[in-house]
Amino acid sequence: MNLPLWYKAHLTVLMFAGSQSRSLAFAAVLLLAMGCHSRVAVTQAPSQPEVKPAPATPIAEKKDELGKPSWDPVWDTVVEKALPPELLSNNEARAVKPFCPRFRSMSEVDRRAFWAYVFQALAGAEAGLEPTTDVRHTEPEVAVKDTVTKRMVRSEGLLQLTYMDADRYGCDFDWDKDKELAEKDPQKSILQPENNLTCGIKIMDKQLIQRHKPLATSSSYWSTLQPGTASYRVWIKQMKNVPEACRVAPSRKPANAHAIAEAGLGSPAAVSSAAAAAGTN
């Protein structure tokens, strides 16, 4: 009969109780317990995804030349490890096609590097790659009250986010603590690059995965991803150095800008600019 180990241990105690001291019985039980423990499978930590540095955007290259603080390669790793599987799937090839035509045929590690580059370009256009950048907008369409701070909304950090994004997207911002700190204190949760970037990924996930929108769309959270705006043109310039794996071979015929535009990926002019940035023209 295959008895459970706890029952065997109990029987062992009874056997020893009649002929040996209690100390020997306890030792026997302890040995059995150690044997049980040795059979418990050790839970292994989940394997980390393979990552690679993304290329430097034009603004990062310029800052490096001038010896100014620039994009930290550690931030590539932050983005690449935080990406949800959905943003890496073949289903997103169409959403990013104007900027990464070969996305569908790329390896997962190259897809991660592409997204790291996208967020670097976004941070370049939004904040000049400076983590403590903050702006209080005065335009009527954005000059609203932040539902968390109860103050006029202020865009902050690498991706110019707000405290109410914590409620809307589940971002890790702590206004109760941050309100005691100076405006540009790098210890503020919203200004910490990891918090800011991972929040941006959640926003991007909602746009592309939940709402089924392309990377560049008029309804994007960021005006820098809204074709036709001045800030979009700044972002397109930063997309000039997309990873080589994204680019089509020179011999391949580029996709027609008007056809892509009709598919809902932006205006013909915007698509042409994106194609030039991605090396498809």
C-alpha atoms as a PDB file:
ATOM      1  CA  MET A   1       0.000   0.000   0.000  1.00  0.00           C
ATOM      2  CA  ASN A   2       1.345   3.447  -0.929  1.00  0.00           C
ATOM      3  CA  LEU A   3       0.813   5.397   2.301  1.00  0.00           C
ATOM      4  CA  PRO A   4       1.195   9.204   2.436  1.00  0.00           C
ATOM      5  CA  LEU A   5       4.444  10.410   3.979  1.00  0.00           C
ATOM      6  CA  TRP A   6       2.713  12.158   6.874  1.00  0.00           C
ATOM      7  CA  TYR A   7       1.039   8.878   7.853  1.00  0.00           C
ATOM      8  CA  LYS A   8       4.345   7.025   7.689  1.00  0.00           C
ATOM      9  CA  ALA A   9       5.840   9.636   9.963  1.00  0.00           C
ATOM     10  CA  HIS A  10       3.008   9.138  12.438  1.00  0.00           C
ATOM     11  CA  LEU A  11       3.550   5.362  12.468  1.00  0.00           C
ATOM     12  CA  THR A  12       7.247   5.893  13.055  1.00  0.00           C
ATOM     13  CA  VAL A  13       6.474   7.966  16.161  1.00  0.00           C
ATOM     14  CA  LEU A  14       4.259   5.199  17.525  1.00  0.00           C
ATOM     15  CA  MET A  15       6.906   2.534  16.919  1.00  0.00           C
ATOM     16  CA  PHE A  16       9.598   4.497  18.678  1.00  0.00           C
ATOM     17  CA  ALA A  17       7.325   5.541  21.529  1.00  0.00           C
ATOM     18  CA  GLY A  18       7.052   1.965  22.767  1.00  0.00           C
ATOM     19  CA  SER A  19      10.753   1.123  22.859  1.00  0.00           C
ATOM     20  CA  GLN A  20      12.827   4.246  22.579  1.00  0.00           C
ATOM     21  CA  SER A  21      12.964   7.672  24.083  1.00  0.00           C
ATOM     22  CA  ARG A  22      10.919  10.541  22.793  1.00  0.00           C
ATOM     23  CA  SER A  23      14.063  12.221  21.548  1.00  0.00           C
ATOM     24  CA  LEU A  24      14.758   9.352  19.142  1.00  0.00           C
ATOM     25  CA  ALA A  25      11.168   9.465  17.897  1.00  0.00           C
ATOM     26  CA  PHE A  26      11.468  13.170  17.247  1.00  0.00           C
ATOM     27  CA  ALA A  27      14.701  12.587  15.326  1.00  0.00           C
ATOM     28  CA  ALA A  28      13.013  10.018  13.117  1.00  0.00           C
ATOM     29  CA  VAL A  29      10.178  12.374  12.301  1.00  0.00           C
ATOM     30  CA  LEU A  30      12.653  15.141  11.569  1.00  0.00           C
ATOM     31  CA  LEU A  31      14.533  12.922   9.114  1.00  0.00           C
ATOM     32  CA  LEU A  32      11.299  12.038   7.338  1.00  0.00           C
ATOM     33  CA  ALA A  33      10.324  15.691   7.177  1.00  0.00           C
ATOM     34  CA  MET A  34      13.683  16.511   5.625  1.00  0.00           C
ATOM     35  CA  GLY A  35      13.090  13.768   3.070  1.00  0.00           C
ATOM     36  CA  CYS A  36       9.687  15.232   2.237  1.00  0.00           C
ATOM     37  CA  HIS A  37      11.199  18.679   1.883  1.00  0.00           C
ATOM     38  CA  SER A  38      13.863  17.409  -0.500  1.00  0.00           C
ATOM     39  CA  ARG A  39      11.149  16.182  -2.844  1.00  0.00           C
ATOM     40  CA  VAL A  40       9.487  19.601  -3.129  1.00  0.00           C
ATOM     41  CA  ALA A  41      10.187  21.051  -6.550  1.00  0.00           C
ATOM     42  CA  VAL A  42      12.102  24.319  -6.509  1.00  0.00           C
ATOM     43  CA  THR A  43      10.170  27.071  -8.277  1.00  0.00           C
ATOM     44  CA  GLN A  44      12.329  28.658 -10.932  1.00  0.00           C
ATOM     45  CA  ALA A  45      12.146  32.323 -11.750  1.00  0.00           C
ATOM     46  CA  PRO A  46      10.696  33.010 -15.208  1.00  0.00           C
ATOM     47  CA  SER A  47      13.350  33.457 -17.860  1.00  0.00           C
ATOM     48  CA  GLN A  48      14.085  37.006 -18.932  1.00  0.00           C
ATOM     49  CA  PRO A  49      13.561  37.933 -22.599  1.00  0.00           C
ATOM     50  CA  GLU A  50      16.574  38.496 -24.803  1.00  0.00           C
ATOM     51  CA  VAL A  51      17.142  42.187 -25.430  1.00  0.00           C
ATOM     52  CA  LYS A  52      19.462  44.318 -27.529  1.00  0.00           C
ATOM     53  CA  PRO A  53      20.232  48.065 -27.581  1.00  0.00           C
ATOM     54  CA  ALA A  54      18.221  50.168 -29.980  1.00  0.00           C
ATOM     55  CA  PRO A  55      20.007  52.595 -32.320  1.00  0.00           C
ATOM     56  CA  ALA A  56      20.422  56.184 -31.191  1.00  0.00           C
ATOM     57  CA  THR A  57      17.903  58.733 -32.448  1.00  0.00           C
ATOM     58  CA  PRO A  58      19.235  61.903 -34.131  1.00  0.00           C
ATOM     59  CA  ILE A  59      18.686  63.948 -30.968  1.00  0.00           C
ATOM     60  CA  ALA A  60      20.533  61.332 -28.899  1.00  0.00           C
ATOM     61  CA  GLU A  61      23.431  61.390 -31.363  1.00  0.00           C
ATOM     62  CA  LYS A  62      23.583  65.195 -31.159  1.00  0.00           C
ATOM     63  CA  LYS A  63      23.517  65.194 -27.371  1.00  0.00           C
ATOM     64  CA  ASP A  64      26.281  62.601 -27.291  1.00  0.00           C
ATOM     65  CA  GLU A  65      28.399  64.774 -29.585  1.00  0.00           C
ATOM     66  CA  LEU A  66      27.899  67.747 -27.281  1.00  0.00           C
ATOM     67  CA  GLY A  67      28.589  65.696 -24.160  1.00  0.00           C
ATOM     68  CA  LYS A  68      25.106  66.307 -22.780  1.00  0.00           C
ATOM     69  CA  PRO A  69      22.959  63.782 -20.912  1.00  0.00           C
ATOM     70  CA  SER A  70      21.237  61.630 -23.489  1.00  0.00           C
ATOM     71  CA  TRP A  71      19.187  58.472 -23.802  1.00  0.00           C
ATOM     72  CA  ASP A  72      20.398  55.877 -21.305  1.00  0.00           C
ATOM     73  CA  PRO A  73      20.700  52.383 -22.905  1.00  0.00           C
ATOM     74  CA  VAL A  74      19.285  51.012 -19.647  1.00  0.00           C
ATOM     75  CA  TRP A  75      15.980  52.533 -20.708  1.00  0.00           C
ATOM     76  CA  ASP A  76      15.985  50.292 -23.792  1.00  0.00           C
ATOM     77  CA  THR A  77      16.051  47.320 -21.447  1.00  0.00           C
ATOM     78  CA  VAL A  78      13.237  48.792 -19.346  1.00  0.00           C
ATOM     79  CA  VAL A  79      11.026  49.110 -22.423  1.00  0.00           C
ATOM     80  CA  GLU A  80      11.943  45.771 -23.976  1.00  0.00           C
ATOM     81  CA  LYS A  81      11.304  43.780 -20.814  1.00  0.00           C
ATOM     82  CA  ALA A  82       7.994  45.542 -20.081  1.00  0.00           C
ATOM     83  CA  LEU A  83       6.445  44.944 -23.514  1.00  0.00           C
ATOM     84  CA  PRO A  84       3.306  42.791 -23.428  1.00  0.00           C
ATOM     85  CA  PRO A  85       3.264  39.820 -25.831  1.00  0.00           C
ATOM     86  CA  GLU A  86       0.486  41.431 -27.875  1.00  0.00           C
ATOM     87  CA  LEU A  87       2.729  44.302 -29.024  1.00  0.00           C
ATOM     88  CA  LEU A  88       5.232  41.726 -30.277  1.00  0.00           C
ATOM     89  CA  SER A  89       2.750  39.622 -32.219  1.00  0.00           C
ATOM     90  CA  ASN A  90       2.311  39.419 -35.992  1.00  0.00           C
ATOM     91  CA  ASN A  91      -1.053  41.107 -35.519  1.00  0.00           C
ATOM     92  CA  GLU A  92       0.730  44.435 -34.983  1.00  0.00           C
ATOM     93  CA  ALA A  93       2.684  44.277 -38.251  1.00  0.00           C
ATOM     94  CA  ARG A  94       0.002  46.299 -40.019  1.00  0.00           C
ATOM     95  CA  ALA A  95      -0.168  48.931 -37.256  1.00  0.00           C
ATOM     96  CA  VAL A  96       3.568  49.686 -37.511  1.00  0.00           C
ATOM     97  CA  LYS A  97       4.120  48.935 -41.220  1.00  0.00           C
ATOM     98  CA  PRO A  98       4.889  52.528 -42.320  1.00  0.00           C
ATOM     99  CA  PHE A  99       7.698  52.667 -39.753  1.00  0.00           C
ATOM    100  CA  CYS A 100       8.875  49.049 -39.701  1.00  0.00           C
ATOM    101  CA  PRO A 101       7.919  47.315 -42.980  1.00  0.00           C
ATOM    102  CA  ARG A 102       9.658  44.045 -42.078  1.00  0.00           C
ATOM    103  CA  PHE A 103       8.112  43.697 -38.609  1.00  0.00           C
ATOM    104  CA  ARG A 104       6.301  40.466 -39.494  1.00  0.00           C
ATOM    105  CA  SER A 105       9.493  38.700 -40.576  1.00  0.00           C
ATOM    106  CA  MET A 106      11.653  39.997 -37.710  1.00  0.00           C
ATOM    107  CA  SER A 107      12.785  37.996 -34.677  1.00  0.00           C
ATOM    108  CA  GLU A 108      11.286  38.772 -31.294  1.00  0.00           C
ATOM    109  CA  VAL A 109      14.500  40.397 -30.079  1.00  0.00           C
ATOM    110  CA  ASP A 110      14.462  42.749 -33.102  1.00  0.00           C
ATOM    111  CA  ARG A 111      10.812  43.562 -32.492  1.00  0.00           C
ATOM    112  CA  ARG A 112      11.666  44.498 -28.915  1.00  0.00           C
ATOM    113  CA  ALA A 113      14.479  46.739 -30.148  1.00  0.00           C
ATOM    114  CA  PHE A 114      12.077  48.423 -32.580  1.00  0.00           C
ATOM    115  CA  TRP A 115       9.680  49.299 -29.763  1.00  0.00           C
ATOM    116  CA  ALA A 116      12.557  50.569 -27.645  1.00  0.00           C
ATOM    117  CA  TYR A 117      13.470  52.847 -30.535  1.00  0.00           C
ATOM    118  CA  VAL A 118       9.870  54.055 -30.903  1.00  0.00           C
ATOM    119  CA  PHE A 119       9.786  55.127 -27.260  1.00  0.00           C
ATOM    120  CA  GLN A 120      13.209  56.740 -27.521  1.00  0.00           C
ATOM    121  CA  ALA A 121      11.985  58.758 -30.518  1.00  0.00           C
ATOM    122  CA  LEU A 122       8.801  59.615 -28.618  1.00  0.00           C
ATOM    123  CA  ALA A 123      10.822  60.762 -25.601  1.00  0.00           C
ATOM    124  CA  GLY A 124      13.028  62.810 -27.912  1.00  0.00           C
ATOM    125  CA  ALA A 125      10.070  64.575 -29.497  1.00  0.00           C
ATOM    126  CA  GLU A 126       8.147  64.983 -26.236  1.00  0.00           C
ATOM    127  CA  ALA A 127      10.872  65.877 -23.737  1.00  0.00           C
ATOM    128  CA  GLY A 128      14.197  66.181 -25.537  1.00  0.00           C
ATOM    129  CA  LEU A 129      15.221  62.955 -23.714  1.00  0.00           C
ATOM    130  CA  GLU A 130      15.260  64.802 -20.365  1.00  0.00           C
ATOM    131  CA  PRO A 131      13.497  62.806 -17.609  1.00  0.00           C
ATOM    132  CA  THR A 132      12.628  65.837 -15.474  1.00  0.00           C
ATOM    133  CA  THR A 133      10.961  67.857 -18.235  1.00  0.00           C
ATOM    134  CA  ASP A 134       7.515  69.171 -17.320  1.00  0.00           C
ATOM    135  CA  VAL A 135       5.082  71.455 -19.092  1.00  0.00           C
ATOM    136  CA  ARG A 136       1.869  73.135 -17.994  1.00  0.00           C
ATOM    137  CA  HIS A 137      -0.245  73.578 -21.103  1.00  0.00           C
ATOM    138  CA  THR A 138      -2.387  76.646 -21.653  1.00  0.00           C
ATOM    139  CA  GLU A 139      -4.242  75.490 -24.774  1.00  0.00           C
ATOM    140  CA  PRO A 140      -7.994  75.211 -24.035  1.00  0.00           C
ATOM    141  CA  GLU A 141      -8.218  71.621 -25.311  1.00  0.00           C
ATOM    142  CA  VAL A 142      -5.563  70.384 -22.861  1.00  0.00           C
ATOM    143  CA  ALA A 143      -5.730  72.979 -20.072  1.00  0.00           C
ATOM    144  CA  VAL A 144      -7.916  70.867 -17.811  1.00  0.00           C
ATOM    145  CA  LYS A 145      -7.805  69.919 -14.151  1.00  0.00           C
ATOM    146  CA  ASP A 146      -5.889  66.784 -13.237  1.00  0.00           C
ATOM    147  CA  THR A 147      -8.378  64.520 -11.467  1.00  0.00           C
ATOM    148  CA  VAL A 148      -5.665  63.264  -9.086  1.00  0.00           C
ATOM    149  CA  THR A 149      -3.737  66.410  -8.177  1.00  0.00           C
ATOM    150  CA  LYS A 150      -6.828  68.664  -8.398  1.00  0.00           C
ATOM    151  CA  ARG A 151      -4.571  71.190 -10.124  1.00  0.00           C
ATOM    152  CA  MET A 152      -4.234  72.280 -13.735  1.00  0.00           C
ATOM    153  CA  VAL A 153      -2.822  69.353 -15.639  1.00  0.00           C
ATOM    154  CA  ARG A 154       0.944  69.213 -16.088  1.00  0.00           C
ATOM    155  CA  SER A 155       2.704  66.851 -18.512  1.00  0.00           C
ATOM    156  CA  GLU A 156       5.839  65.352 -16.994  1.00  0.00           C
ATOM    157  CA  GLY A 157       8.785  63.069 -17.637  1.00  0.00           C
ATOM    158  CA  LEU A 158      10.248  61.413 -20.718  1.00  0.00           C
ATOM    159  CA  LEU A 159       6.828  60.755 -22.261  1.00  0.00           C
ATOM    160  CA  GLN A 160       5.032  63.804 -20.829  1.00  0.00           C
ATOM    161  CA  LEU A 161       2.448  61.974 -18.767  1.00  0.00           C
ATOM    162  CA  THR A 162       0.061  63.113 -16.047  1.00  0.00           C
ATOM    163  CA  TYR A 163      -0.849  61.897 -12.575  1.00  0.00           C
ATOM    164  CA  MET A 164      -4.369  61.045 -13.645  1.00  0.00           C
ATOM    165  CA  ASP A 165      -2.846  58.430 -15.952  1.00  0.00           C
ATOM    166  CA  ALA A 166      -2.398  56.397 -12.771  1.00  0.00           C
ATOM    167  CA  ASP A 167      -6.191  56.034 -12.622  1.00  0.00           C
ATOM    168  CA  ARG A 168      -6.781  55.738 -16.353  1.00  0.00           C
ATOM    169  CA  TYR A 169      -4.029  53.260 -17.219  1.00  0.00           C
ATOM    170  CA  GLY A 170      -2.872  51.785 -13.915  1.00  0.00           C
ATOM    171  CA  CYS A 171       0.458  53.610 -13.870  1.00  0.00           C
ATOM    172  CA  ASP A 172       2.724  53.575 -10.818  1.00  0.00           C
ATOM    173  CA  PHE A 173       2.555  57.264  -9.869  1.00  0.00           C
ATOM    174  CA  ASP A 174       2.207  58.336  -6.234  1.00  0.00           C
ATOM    175  CA  TRP A 175       0.939  61.904  -5.945  1.00  0.00           C
ATOM    176  CA  ASP A 176       0.562  61.733  -2.165  1.00  0.00           C
ATOM    177  CA  LYS A 177       4.328  61.361  -1.826  1.00  0.00           C
ATOM    178  CA  ASP A 178       5.353  63.414  -4.847  1.00  0.00           C
ATOM    179  CA  LYS A 179       3.451  66.540  -3.797  1.00  0.00           C
ATOM    180  CA  GLU A 180       5.970  66.962  -0.968  1.00  0.00           C
ATOM    181  CA  LEU A 181       8.896  67.063  -3.417  1.00  0.00           C
ATOM    182  CA  ALA A 182      10.244  69.858  -5.612  1.00  0.00           C
ATOM    183  CA  GLU A 183       8.769  70.255  -9.088  1.00  0.00           C
ATOM    184  CA  LYS A 184      11.726  68.656 -10.898  1.00  0.00           C
ATOM    185  CA  ASP A 185      12.933  66.326  -8.170  1.00  0.00           C
ATOM    186  CA  PRO A 186      14.077  63.158  -9.995  1.00  0.00           C
ATOM    187  CA  GLN A 187      12.781  61.120  -7.060  1.00  0.00           C
ATOM    188  CA  LYS A 188       9.194  61.941  -8.023  1.00  0.00           C
ATOM    189  CA  SER A 189       7.509  58.740  -9.134  1.00  0.00           C
ATOM    190  CA  ILE A 190       6.253  60.285 -12.368  1.00  0.00           C
ATOM    191  CA  LEU A 191       9.741  61.499 -13.312  1.00  0.00           C
ATOM    192  CA  GLN A 192      11.498  58.199 -12.727  1.00  0.00           C
ATOM    193  CA  PRO A 193      12.264  56.831 -16.220  1.00  0.00           C
ATOM    194  CA  GLU A 194      11.161  53.279 -15.453  1.00  0.00           C
ATOM    195  CA  ASN A 195       7.758  54.392 -14.145  1.00  0.00           C
ATOM    196  CA  ASN A 196       7.267  56.870 -16.975  1.00  0.00           C
ATOM    197  CA  LEU A 197       8.227  54.457 -19.743  1.00  0.00           C
ATOM    198  CA  THR A 198       6.240  51.499 -18.426  1.00  0.00           C
ATOM    199  CA  CYS A 199       3.215  53.779 -18.137  1.00  0.00           C
ATOM    200  CA  GLY A 200       3.735  54.780 -21.762  1.00  0.00           C
ATOM    201  CA  ILE A 201       3.722  51.109 -22.754  1.00  0.00           C
ATOM    202  CA  LYS A 202       0.348  50.669 -21.040  1.00  0.00           C
ATOM    203  CA  ILE A 203      -1.022  53.641 -22.954  1.00  0.00           C
ATOM    204  CA  MET A 204       0.374  52.270 -26.220  1.00  0.00           C
ATOM    205  CA  ASP A 205      -1.110  48.868 -25.448  1.00  0.00           C
ATOM    206  CA  LYS A 206      -4.550  50.399 -25.039  1.00  0.00           C
ATOM    207  CA  GLN A 207      -4.236  52.292 -28.335  1.00  0.00           C
ATOM    208  CA  LEU A 208      -3.003  49.418 -30.475  1.00  0.00           C
ATOM    209  CA  ILE A 209      -4.386  46.322 -28.763  1.00  0.00           C
ATOM    210  CA  GLN A 210      -7.614  47.352 -27.066  1.00  0.00           C
ATOM    211  CA  ARG A 211      -8.710  50.049 -29.521  1.00  0.00           C
ATOM    212  CA  HIS A 212      -7.131  48.435 -32.616  1.00  0.00           C
ATOM    213  CA  LYS A 213      -5.564  51.702 -33.764  1.00  0.00           C
ATOM    214  CA  PRO A 214      -2.288  52.089 -35.707  1.00  0.00           C
ATOM    215  CA  LEU A 215       0.869  53.528 -34.193  1.00  0.00           C
ATOM    216  CA  ALA A 216       0.223  56.923 -35.779  1.00  0.00           C
ATOM    217  CA  THR A 217      -3.397  58.029 -35.480  1.00  0.00           C
ATOM    218  CA  SER A 218      -5.327  61.244 -34.978  1.00  0.00           C
ATOM    219  CA  SER A 219      -6.749  59.839 -31.732  1.00  0.00           C
ATOM    220  CA  SER A 220      -3.398  58.998 -30.146  1.00  0.00           C
ATOM    221  CA  TYR A 221      -2.718  59.993 -26.534  1.00  0.00           C
ATOM    222  CA  TRP A 222       0.363  61.890 -27.779  1.00  0.00           C
ATOM    223  CA  SER A 223       0.089  64.711 -30.306  1.00  0.00           C
ATOM    224  CA  THR A 224       3.518  63.582 -31.506  1.00  0.00           C
ATOM    225  CA  LEU A 225       1.806  60.489 -32.944  1.00  0.00           C
ATOM    226  CA  GLN A 226      -1.028  62.435 -34.562  1.00  0.00           C
ATOM    227  CA  PRO A 227      -0.308  62.909 -38.295  1.00  0.00           C
ATOM    228  CA  GLY A 228      -0.547  66.497 -39.466  1.00  0.00           C
ATOM    229  CA  THR A 229       0.616  68.132 -36.238  1.00  0.00           C
ATOM    230  CA  ALA A 230       3.864  70.037 -35.810  1.00  0.00           C
ATOM    231  CA  SER A 231       5.042  67.694 -33.077  1.00  0.00           C
ATOM    232  CA  TYR A 232       4.372  64.689 -35.331  1.00  0.00           C
ATOM    233  CA  ARG A 233       6.881  66.060 -37.801  1.00  0.00           C
ATOM    234  CA  VAL A 234       9.410  66.306 -34.971  1.00  0.00           C
ATOM    235  CA  TRP A 235       8.795  62.653 -34.116  1.00  0.00           C
ATOM    236  CA  ILE A 236       9.130  61.566 -37.744  1.00  0.00           C
ATOM    237  CA  LYS A 237      12.587  63.161 -37.832  1.00  0.00           C
ATOM    238  CA  GLN A 238      13.530  61.150 -34.765  1.00  0.00           C
ATOM    239  CA  MET A 239      12.364  57.950 -36.512  1.00  0.00           C
ATOM    240  CA  LYS A 240      15.132  58.345 -39.094  1.00  0.00           C
ATOM    241  CA  ASN A 241      17.393  55.717 -37.495  1.00  0.00           C
ATOM    242  CA  VAL A 242      14.932  52.854 -37.024  1.00  0.00           C
ATOM    243  CA  PRO A 243      16.709  49.502 -36.528  1.00  0.00           C
ATOM    244  CA  GLU A 244      18.189  48.033 -39.685  1.00  0.00           C
ATOM    245  CA  ALA A 245      16.061  44.913 -39.275  1.00  0.00           C
ATOM    246  CA  CYS A 246      12.970  47.071 -39.929  1.00  0.00           C
ATOM    247  CA  ARG A 247      14.093  48.294 -43.324  1.00  0.00           C
ATOM    248  CA  VAL A 248      13.125  46.733 -46.631  1.00  0.00           C
ATOM    249  CA  ALA A 249      15.829  45.764 -49.081  1.00  0.00           C
ATOM    250  CA  PRO A 250      16.565  48.550 -51.635  1.00  0.00           C
ATOM    251  CA  SER A 251      15.477  46.273 -54.486  1.00  0.00           C
ATOM    252  CA  ARG A 252      11.972  45.848 -53.105  1.00  0.00           C
ATOM    253  CA  LYS A 253       9.196  48.099 -54.361  1.00  0.00           C
ATOM    254  CA  PRO A 254       7.950  50.376 -51.543  1.00  0.00           C
ATOM    255  CA  ALA A 255       4.327  50.278 -50.542  1.00  0.00           C
ATOM    256  CA  ASN A 256       2.110  52.898 -52.135  1.00  0.00           C
ATOM    257  CA  ALA A 257       1.547  55.751 -49.687  1.00  0.00           C
ATOM    258  CA  HIS A 258      -2.039  56.316 -50.808  1.00  0.00           C
ATOM    259  CA  ALA A 259      -2.887  52.624 -50.449  1.00  0.00           C
ATOM    260  CA  ILE A 260      -1.512  52.562 -46.911  1.00  0.00           C
ATOM    261  CA  ALA A 261      -3.375  55.756 -46.084  1.00  0.00           C
ATOM    262  CA  GLU A 262      -6.618  54.237 -47.308  1.00  0.00           C
ATOM    263  CA  ALA A 263      -5.974  51.291 -44.988  1.00  0.00           C
ATOM    264  CA  GLY A 264      -6.208  53.706 -42.084  1.00  0.00           C
ATOM    265  CA  LEU A 265      -2.530  54.189 -41.274  1.00  0.00           C
ATOM    266  CA  GLY A 266      -2.336  57.936 -41.766  1.00  0.00           C
ATOM    267  CA  SER A 267      -2.421  60.565 -44.513  1.00  0.00           C
ATOM    268  CA  PRO A 268      -0.426  59.991 -47.734  1.00  0.00           C
ATOM    269  CA  ALA A 269       2.007  62.757 -46.768  1.00  0.00           C
ATOM    270  CA  ALA A 270       2.479  61.308 -43.308  1.00  0.00           C
ATOM    271  CA  VAL A 271       2.970  57.797 -44.672  1.00  0.00           C
ATOM    272  CA  SER A 272       5.506  59.036 -47.216  1.00  0.00           C
ATOM    273  CA  SER A 273       7.468  60.753 -44.445  1.00  0.00           C
ATOM    274  CA  ALA A 274       7.332  57.621 -42.333  1.00  0.00           C
ATOM    275  CA  ALA A 275       8.436  55.469 -45.245  1.00  0.00           C
ATOM    276  CA  ALA A 276      11.406  57.743 -45.839  1.00  0.00           C
ATOM    277  CA  ALA A 277      12.324  57.506 -42.170  1.00  0.00           C
ATOM    278  CA  ALA A 278      12.113  53.724 -42.308  1.00  0.00           C
ATOM    279  CA  GLY A 279      14.195  53.499 -45.456  1.00  0.00           C
ATOM    280  CA  THR A 280      11.386  52.289 -47.700  1.00  0.00           C
ATOM    281  CA  ASN A 281      11.778  54.986 -50.345  1.00  0.00           C
END
